[in-house]
PDB file of N, CA and C in Angstrom:
ATOM      1  N   MET A   1      46.135  66.249 -74.012  1.00  0.00           N
ATOM      2  CA  MET A   1      45.159  64.995 -73.733  1.00  0.00           C
ATOM      3  C   MET A   1      45.181  63.973 -75.147  1.00  0.00           C
ATOM      4  N   SER A   2      45.026  64.756 -76.139  1.00  0.00           N
ATOM      5  CA  SER A   2      45.281  64.030 -77.316  1.00  0.00           C
ATOM      6  C   SER A   2      46.553  63.335 -77.736  1.00  0.00           C
ATOM      7  N   ASN A   3      47.633  63.943 -77.320  1.00  0.00           N
ATOM      8  CA  ASN A   3      48.920  63.334 -77.283  1.00  0.00           C
ATOM      9  C   ASN A   3      49.007  62.059 -76.618  1.00  0.00           C
ATOM     10  N   ARG A   4      48.498  61.961 -75.456  1.00  0.00           N
ATOM     11  CA  ARG A   4      48.547  60.689 -74.521  1.00  0.00           C
ATOM     12  C   ARG A   4      47.628  59.862 -74.976  1.00  0.00           C
ATOM     13  N   LEU A   5      46.421  60.070 -75.878  1.00  0.00           N
ATOM     14  CA  LEU A   5      45.542  58.915 -76.190  1.00  0.00           C
ATOM     15  C   LEU A   5      46.553  58.301 -77.492  1.00  0.00           C
ATOM     16  N   VAL A   6      47.104  59.262 -78.242  1.00  0.00           N
ATOM     17  CA  VAL A   6      47.889  58.399 -79.249  1.00  0.00           C
ATOM     18  C   VAL A   6      48.922  57.434 -78.697  1.00  0.00           C
ATOM     19  N   GLU A   7      49.550  57.760 -77.920  1.00  0.00           N
ATOM     20  CA  GLU A   7      50.700  56.945 -77.203  1.00  0.00           C
ATOM     21  C   GLU A   7      50.057  55.744 -76.175  1.00  0.00           C
ATOM     22  N   ILE A   8      48.822  56.034 -75.972  1.00  0.00           N
ATOM     23  CA  ILE A   8      48.128  54.740 -75.552  1.00  0.00           C
ATOM     24  C   ILE A   8      47.544  53.691 -76.695  1.00  0.00           C
ATOM     25  N   ALA A   9      47.256  54.432 -77.569  1.00  0.00           N
ATOM     26  CA  ALA A   9      46.613  53.639 -78.700  1.00  0.00           C
ATOM     27  C   ALA A   9      48.161  52.993 -79.381  1.00  0.00           C
ATOM     28  N   GLU A  10      49.063  53.438 -79.494  1.00  0.00           N
ATOM     29  CA  GLU A  10      50.251  52.802 -80.110  1.00  0.00           C
ATOM     30  C   GLU A  10      50.651  51.671 -79.086  1.00  0.00           C
ATOM     31  N   ASP A  11      50.855  51.891 -77.897  1.00  0.00           N
ATOM     32  CA  ASP A  11      51.307  50.961 -76.821  1.00  0.00           C
ATOM     33  C   ASP A  11      50.256  49.363 -77.116  1.00  0.00           C
ATOM     34  N   SER A  12      48.876  49.959 -77.164  1.00  0.00           N
ATOM     35  CA  SER A  12      47.945  48.814 -77.195  1.00  0.00           C
ATOM     36  C   SER A  12      48.113  47.828 -78.486  1.00  0.00           C
ATOM     37  N   ALA A  13      48.395  48.966 -79.778  1.00  0.00           N
ATOM     38  CA  ALA A  13      48.392  48.362 -80.970  1.00  0.00           C
ATOM     39  C   ALA A  13      49.952  47.144 -80.881  1.00  0.00           C
ATOM     40  N   LYS A  14      50.872  47.795 -80.389  1.00  0.00           N
ATOM     41  CA  LYS A  14      52.009  46.958 -80.160  1.00  0.00           C
ATOM     42  C   LYS A  14      51.916  45.665 -79.488  1.00  0.00           C
ATOM     43  N   GLY A  15      51.448  45.988 -78.309  1.00  0.00           N
ATOM     44  CA  GLY A  15      51.098  44.967 -77.481  1.00  0.00           C
ATOM     45  C   GLY A  15      49.901  43.681 -78.148  1.00  0.00           C
ATOM     46  N   GLY A  16      49.159  44.301 -78.661  1.00  0.00           N
ATOM     47  CA  GLY A  16      48.317  43.378 -79.361  1.00  0.00           C
ATOM     48  C   GLY A  16      48.803  42.670 -80.438  1.00  0.00           C
ATOM     49  N   PHE A  17      49.745  43.317 -81.267  1.00  0.00           N
ATOM     50  CA  PHE A  17      50.511  42.639 -82.275  1.00  0.00           C
ATOM     51  C   PHE A  17      51.493  41.549 -81.858  1.00  0.00           C
ATOM     52  N   SER A  18      52.029  41.828 -80.481  1.00  0.00           N
ATOM     53  CA  SER A  18      52.953  40.801 -80.096  1.00  0.00           C
ATOM     54  C   SER A  18      52.201  39.816 -79.505  1.00  0.00           C
ATOM     55  N   LEU A  19      50.953  39.921 -78.996  1.00  0.00           N
ATOM     56  CA  LEU A  19      50.154  38.949 -78.509  1.00  0.00           C
ATOM     57  C   LEU A  19      49.705  37.965 -79.681  1.00  0.00           C
ATOM     58  N   PHE A  20      49.350  38.478 -80.950  1.00  0.00           N
ATOM     59  CA  PHE A  20      49.091  37.910 -82.210  1.00  0.00           C
ATOM     60  C   PHE A  20      50.125  36.913 -82.570  1.00  0.00           C
ATOM     61  N   LEU A  21      51.471  37.610 -82.762  1.00  0.00           N
ATOM     62  CA  LEU A  21      52.447  36.967 -83.109  1.00  0.00           C
ATOM     63  C   LEU A  21      52.799  35.618 -82.171  1.00  0.00           C
ATOM     64  N   GLY A  22      52.641  35.999 -81.077  1.00  0.00           N
ATOM     65  CA  GLY A  22      52.927  34.657 -79.938  1.00  0.00           C
ATOM     66  C   GLY A  22      51.863  33.699 -80.032  1.00  0.00           C
ATOM     67  N   ASP A  23      50.614  34.203 -80.331  1.00  0.00           N
ATOM     68  CA  ASP A  23      49.576  32.938 -80.822  1.00  0.00           C
ATOM     69  C   ASP A  23      49.596  32.305 -82.063  1.00  0.00           C
ATOM     70  N   VAL A  24      50.141  33.151 -83.019  1.00  0.00           N
ATOM     71  CA  VAL A  24      50.632  32.292 -84.248  1.00  0.00           C
ATOM     72  C   VAL A  24      51.559  31.301 -84.075  1.00  0.00           C
ATOM     73  N   PHE A  25      52.875  31.846 -83.535  1.00  0.00           N
ATOM     74  CA  PHE A  25      53.810  30.845 -83.429  1.00  0.00           C
ATOM     75  C   PHE A  25      53.432  29.464 -82.435  1.00  0.00           C
ATOM     76  N   SER A  26      52.795  29.931 -81.398  1.00  0.00           N
ATOM     77  CA  SER A  26      52.178  28.610 -80.799  1.00  0.00           C
ATOM     78  C   SER A  26      51.311  27.575 -81.437  1.00  0.00           C
ATOM     79  N   THR A  27      50.388  28.277 -82.216  1.00  0.00           N
ATOM     80  CA  THR A  27      49.821  27.473 -83.155  1.00  0.00           C
ATOM     81  C   THR A  27      50.396  26.688 -84.241  1.00  0.00           C
ATOM     82  N   ILE A  28      51.575  27.086 -84.673  1.00  0.00           N
ATOM     83  CA  ILE A  28      52.460  26.709 -85.558  1.00  0.00           C
ATOM     84  C   ILE A  28      53.250  25.268 -84.753  1.00  0.00           C
ATOM     85  N   ILE A  29      53.765  25.535 -83.681  1.00  0.00           N
ATOM     86  CA  ILE A  29      54.702  24.720 -82.745  1.00  0.00           C
ATOM     87  C   ILE A  29      53.488  23.569 -82.407  1.00  0.00           C
ATOM     88  N   LEU A  30      52.339  23.873 -82.095  1.00  0.00           N
ATOM     89  CA  LEU A  30      51.293  22.941 -81.587  1.00  0.00           C
ATOM     90  C   LEU A  30      51.138  21.824 -82.980  1.00  0.00           C
ATOM     91  N   ALA A  31      50.989  22.430 -84.048  1.00  0.00           N
ATOM     92  CA  ALA A  31      50.484  21.772 -85.389  1.00  0.00           C
ATOM     93  C   ALA A  31      51.765  20.829 -85.756  1.00  0.00           C
ATOM     94  N   VAL A  32      52.903  21.406 -85.559  1.00  0.00           N
ATOM     95  CA  VAL A  32      54.128  20.594 -85.813  1.00  0.00           C
ATOM     96  C   VAL A  32      54.337  19.453 -84.882  1.00  0.00           C
ATOM     97  N   GLY A  33      54.113  19.687 -83.587  1.00  0.00           N
ATOM     98  CA  GLY A  33      54.142  18.795 -82.605  1.00  0.00           C
ATOM     99  C   GLY A  33      53.161  17.649 -82.736  1.00  0.00           C
ATOM    100  N   SER A  34      51.567  17.838 -83.133  1.00  0.00           N
ATOM    101  CA  SER A  34      50.730  16.954 -83.244  1.00  0.00           C
ATOM    102  C   SER A  34      51.376  15.887 -84.408  1.00  0.00           C
ATOM    103  N   ILE A  35      51.951  16.741 -85.561  1.00  0.00           N
ATOM    104  CA  ILE A  35      52.024  15.613 -86.675  1.00  0.00           C
ATOM    105  C   ILE A  35      53.118  14.660 -86.301  1.00  0.00           C
ATOM    106  N   LEU A  36      54.358  15.422 -85.578  1.00  0.00           N
ATOM    107  CA  LEU A  36      55.232  14.398 -85.135  1.00  0.00           C
ATOM    108  C   LEU A  36      54.670  13.250 -84.273  1.00  0.00           C
ATOM    109  N   VAL A  37      53.879  13.753 -83.306  1.00  0.00           N
ATOM    110  CA  VAL A  37      53.146  12.779 -82.265  1.00  0.00           C
ATOM    111  C   VAL A  37      52.459  11.581 -83.299  1.00  0.00           C
ATOM    112  N   ALA A  38      51.667  12.086 -84.053  1.00  0.00           N
ATOM    113  CA  ALA A  38      50.849  11.217 -84.808  1.00  0.00           C
ATOM    114  C   ALA A  38      51.672  10.027 -85.775  1.00  0.00           C
ATOM    115  N   ARG A  39      52.634  10.715 -86.144  1.00  0.00           N
ATOM    116  CA  ARG A  39      53.699   9.934 -86.873  1.00  0.00           C
ATOM    117  C   ARG A  39      54.234   8.870 -86.141  1.00  0.00           C
ATOM    118  N   LEU A  40      54.701   9.357 -84.936  1.00  0.00           N
ATOM    119  CA  LEU A  40      55.239   8.152 -84.180  1.00  0.00           C
ATOM    120  C   LEU A  40      54.423   7.119 -83.185  1.00  0.00           C
ATOM    121  N   LEU A  41      53.137   7.636 -82.995  1.00  0.00           N
ATOM    122  CA  LEU A  41      52.140   6.683 -82.463  1.00  0.00           C
ATOM    123  C   LEU A  41      51.352   5.723 -83.437  1.00  0.00           C
ATOM    124  N   GLY A  42      51.214   6.217 -84.362  1.00  0.00           N
ATOM    125  CA  GLY A  42      50.441   5.578 -85.576  1.00  0.00           C
ATOM    126  C   GLY A  42      48.873   5.678 -85.141  1.00  0.00           C
ATOM    127  N   PRO A  43      48.063   5.211 -85.851  1.00  0.00           N
ATOM    128  CA  PRO A  43      46.590   5.402 -85.930  1.00  0.00           C
ATOM    129  C   PRO A  43      46.090   5.134 -84.651  1.00  0.00           C
ATOM    130  N   SER A  44      46.174   3.895 -84.318  1.00  0.00           N
ATOM    131  CA  SER A  44      45.583   3.470 -83.053  1.00  0.00           C
ATOM    132  C   SER A  44      45.959   4.130 -81.832  1.00  0.00           C
ATOM    133  N   GLY A  45      47.323   4.371 -81.704  1.00  0.00           N
ATOM    134  CA  GLY A  45      47.870   5.019 -80.462  1.00  0.00           C
ATOM    135  C   GLY A  45      47.368   6.525 -80.602  1.00  0.00           C
ATOM    136  N   TYR A  46      47.667   7.160 -81.686  1.00  0.00           N
ATOM    137  CA  TYR A  46      47.284   8.603 -81.857  1.00  0.00           C
ATOM    138  C   TYR A  46      45.645   8.905 -81.525  1.00  0.00           C
ATOM    139  N   GLY A  47      44.799   7.870 -81.646  1.00  0.00           N
ATOM    140  CA  GLY A  47      43.491   8.039 -81.226  1.00  0.00           C
ATOM    141  C   GLY A  47      43.239   7.986 -79.728  1.00  0.00           C
ATOM    142  N   ILE A  48      43.973   7.243 -79.147  1.00  0.00           N
ATOM    143  CA  ILE A  48      43.917   7.100 -77.558  1.00  0.00           C
ATOM    144  C   ILE A  48      44.475   8.439 -76.974  1.00  0.00           C
ATOM    145  N   TYR A  49      45.564   8.901 -77.738  1.00  0.00           N
ATOM    146  CA  TYR A  49      46.376   9.971 -77.213  1.00  0.00           C
ATOM    147  C   TYR A  49      45.196  11.271 -77.421  1.00  0.00           C
ATOM    148  N   SER A  50      44.585  11.375 -78.481  1.00  0.00           N
ATOM    149  CA  SER A  50      43.572  12.299 -78.745  1.00  0.00           C
ATOM    150  C   SER A  50      42.452  12.473 -77.661  1.00  0.00           C
ATOM    151  N   LEU A  51      41.848  11.122 -77.440  1.00  0.00           N
ATOM    152  CA  LEU A  51      41.054  10.912 -76.576  1.00  0.00           C
ATOM    153  C   LEU A  51      41.468  11.557 -75.095  1.00  0.00           C
ATOM    154  N   THR A  52      42.610  11.422 -74.754  1.00  0.00           N
ATOM    155  CA  THR A  52      43.206  11.816 -73.610  1.00  0.00           C
ATOM    156  C   THR A  52      43.014  13.143 -73.407  1.00  0.00           C
ATOM    157  N   LEU A  53      43.749  13.738 -74.703  1.00  0.00           N
ATOM    158  CA  LEU A  53      43.662  15.325 -74.728  1.00  0.00           C
ATOM    159  C   LEU A  53      42.467  15.908 -74.727  1.00  0.00           C
ATOM    160  N   VAL A  54      41.324  15.345 -75.182  1.00  0.00           N
ATOM    161  CA  VAL A  54      40.041  15.948 -75.034  1.00  0.00           C
ATOM    162  C   VAL A  54      39.486  16.023 -73.614  1.00  0.00           C
ATOM    163  N   VAL A  55      39.707  14.640 -73.070  1.00  0.00           N
ATOM    164  CA  VAL A  55      39.233  14.728 -71.686  1.00  0.00           C
ATOM    165  C   VAL A  55      40.013  15.891 -70.776  1.00  0.00           C
ATOM    166  N   LEU A  56      41.334  15.816 -70.838  1.00  0.00           N
ATOM    167  CA  LEU A  56      41.958  16.706 -70.260  1.00  0.00           C
ATOM    168  C   LEU A  56      41.699  18.416 -70.514  1.00  0.00           C
ATOM    169  N   MET A  57      41.247  18.750 -71.886  1.00  0.00           N
ATOM    170  CA  MET A  57      41.084  20.094 -72.193  1.00  0.00           C
ATOM    171  C   MET A  57      39.426  20.364 -71.551  1.00  0.00           C
ATOM    172  N   LEU A  58      38.653  19.396 -71.298  1.00  0.00           N
ATOM    173  CA  LEU A  58      37.560  19.659 -70.890  1.00  0.00           C
ATOM    174  C   LEU A  58      37.570  19.906 -69.508  1.00  0.00           C
ATOM    175  N   LEU A  59      38.217  19.120 -68.868  1.00  0.00           N
ATOM    176  CA  LEU A  59      38.455  19.291 -67.399  1.00  0.00           C
ATOM    177  C   LEU A  59      38.896  20.586 -67.009  1.00  0.00           C
ATOM    178  N   GLY A  60      40.117  20.923 -68.089  1.00  0.00           N
ATOM    179  CA  GLY A  60      40.828  22.272 -67.688  1.00  0.00           C
ATOM    180  C   GLY A  60      39.824  23.448 -67.774  1.00  0.00           C
ATOM    181  N   SER A  61      38.987  23.273 -68.772  1.00  0.00           N
ATOM    182  CA  SER A  61      38.022  24.587 -69.049  1.00  0.00           C
ATOM    183  C   SER A  61      37.002  24.428 -67.881  1.00  0.00           C
ATOM    184  N   LEU A  62      36.296  23.455 -67.231  1.00  0.00           N
ATOM    185  CA  LEU A  62      35.724  23.495 -66.290  1.00  0.00           C
ATOM    186  C   LEU A  62      36.227  24.079 -64.880  1.00  0.00           C
ATOM    187  N   ILE A  63      37.504  23.455 -64.908  1.00  0.00           N
ATOM    188  CA  ILE A  63      38.282  24.188 -63.484  1.00  0.00           C
ATOM    189  C   ILE A  63      38.529  25.678 -63.574  1.00  0.00           C
ATOM    190  N   GLY A  64      38.801  26.283 -64.683  1.00  0.00           N
ATOM    191  CA  GLY A  64      39.077  27.614 -64.893  1.00  0.00           C
ATOM    192  C   GLY A  64      37.720  28.466 -64.660  1.00  0.00           C
ATOM    193  N   LEU A  65      36.606  27.662 -65.230  1.00  0.00           N
ATOM    194  CA  LEU A  65      35.303  28.649 -64.828  1.00  0.00           C
ATOM    195  C   LEU A  65      35.152  30.082 -64.901  1.00  0.00           C
ATOM    196  N   GLY A  66      36.016  30.561 -65.869  1.00  0.00           N
ATOM    197  CA  GLY A  66      36.201  31.964 -66.115  1.00  0.00           C
ATOM    198  C   GLY A  66      36.854  33.009 -64.813  1.00  0.00           C
ATOM    199  N   VAL A  67      37.788  32.156 -64.286  1.00  0.00           N
ATOM    200  CA  VAL A  67      38.681  33.069 -63.392  1.00  0.00           C
ATOM    201  C   VAL A  67      39.317  34.306 -64.014  1.00  0.00           C
ATOM    202  N   ASP A  68      40.110  33.844 -65.084  1.00  0.00           N
ATOM    203  CA  ASP A  68      40.780  34.849 -65.693  1.00  0.00           C
ATOM    204  C   ASP A  68      40.009  36.087 -65.989  1.00  0.00           C
ATOM    205  N   TYR A  69      38.883  35.927 -66.722  1.00  0.00           N
ATOM    206  CA  TYR A  69      38.176  37.231 -67.064  1.00  0.00           C
ATOM    207  C   TYR A  69      37.653  37.913 -65.716  1.00  0.00           C
ATOM    208  N   ALA A  70      37.488  37.073 -64.649  1.00  0.00           N
ATOM    209  CA  ALA A  70      37.001  37.801 -63.379  1.00  0.00           C
ATOM    210  C   ALA A  70      38.248  38.617 -62.839  1.00  0.00           C
ATOM    211  N   VAL A  71      39.478  37.961 -63.195  1.00  0.00           N
ATOM    212  CA  VAL A  71      40.625  38.819 -62.299  1.00  0.00           C
ATOM    213  C   VAL A  71      40.914  40.022 -63.401  1.00  0.00           C
ATOM    214  N   VAL A  72      40.612  39.844 -64.594  1.00  0.00           N
ATOM    215  CA  VAL A  72      40.731  41.238 -65.352  1.00  0.00           C
ATOM    216  C   VAL A  72      39.870  42.113 -65.166  1.00  0.00           C
ATOM    217  N   LYS A  73      38.657  41.727 -64.863  1.00  0.00           N
ATOM    218  CA  LYS A  73      37.473  42.726 -64.552  1.00  0.00           C
ATOM    219  C   LYS A  73      37.740  43.394 -63.123  1.00  0.00           C
ATOM    220  N   VAL A  74      38.134  42.591 -62.242  1.00  0.00           N
ATOM    221  CA  VAL A  74      38.540  43.035 -60.919  1.00  0.00           C
ATOM    222  C   VAL A  74      39.738  43.988 -60.885  1.00  0.00           C
ATOM    223  N   SER A  75      40.706  43.579 -61.513  1.00  0.00           N
ATOM    224  CA  SER A  75      41.949  44.573 -61.453  1.00  0.00           C
ATOM    225  C   SER A  75      41.739  45.732 -62.220  1.00  0.00           C
ATOM    226  N   SER A  76      41.011  45.817 -63.252  1.00  0.00           N
ATOM    227  CA  SER A  76      40.729  46.817 -63.934  1.00  0.00           C
ATOM    228  C   SER A  76      39.894  47.914 -63.119  1.00  0.00           C
ATOM    229  N   LYS A  77      38.981  47.414 -62.312  1.00  0.00           N
ATOM    230  CA  LYS A  77      37.967  48.165 -61.397  1.00  0.00           C
ATOM    231  C   LYS A  77      38.945  48.886 -60.142  1.00  0.00           C
ATOM    232  N   ILE A  78      39.979  48.181 -60.048  1.00  0.00           N
ATOM    233  CA  ILE A  78      40.557  48.589 -58.779  1.00  0.00           C
ATOM    234  C   ILE A  78      41.484  49.568 -59.231  1.00  0.00           C
ATOM    235  N   GLN A  79      41.865  49.487 -60.454  1.00  0.00           N
ATOM    236  CA  GLN A  79      43.035  50.345 -60.962  1.00  0.00           C
ATOM    237  C   GLN A  79      42.270  52.002 -61.258  1.00  0.00           C
ATOM    238  N   SER A  80      41.242  51.732 -61.661  1.00  0.00           N
ATOM    239  CA  SER A  80      40.669  53.011 -61.850  1.00  0.00           C
ATOM    240  C   SER A  80      39.758  53.788 -60.753  1.00  0.00           C
TER     241      SER A  80
END
């Protein structure tokens, strides 16, 4: 039983680390892309672009309404 727990902990640590690396790389790519877009559009154009992104992000968060958390919760209950 103890050996199985160690294997599960190792798998969880590896998966968590790979998710962390993916998040870091995604953030770096997003930052570089934002800098390039800001340089290309200039101050006024980038302001309009930023407002558009804020509106879209707000709409996206309202559309989700926690569905991803519900899917995780239900799938874990079904699995056990």
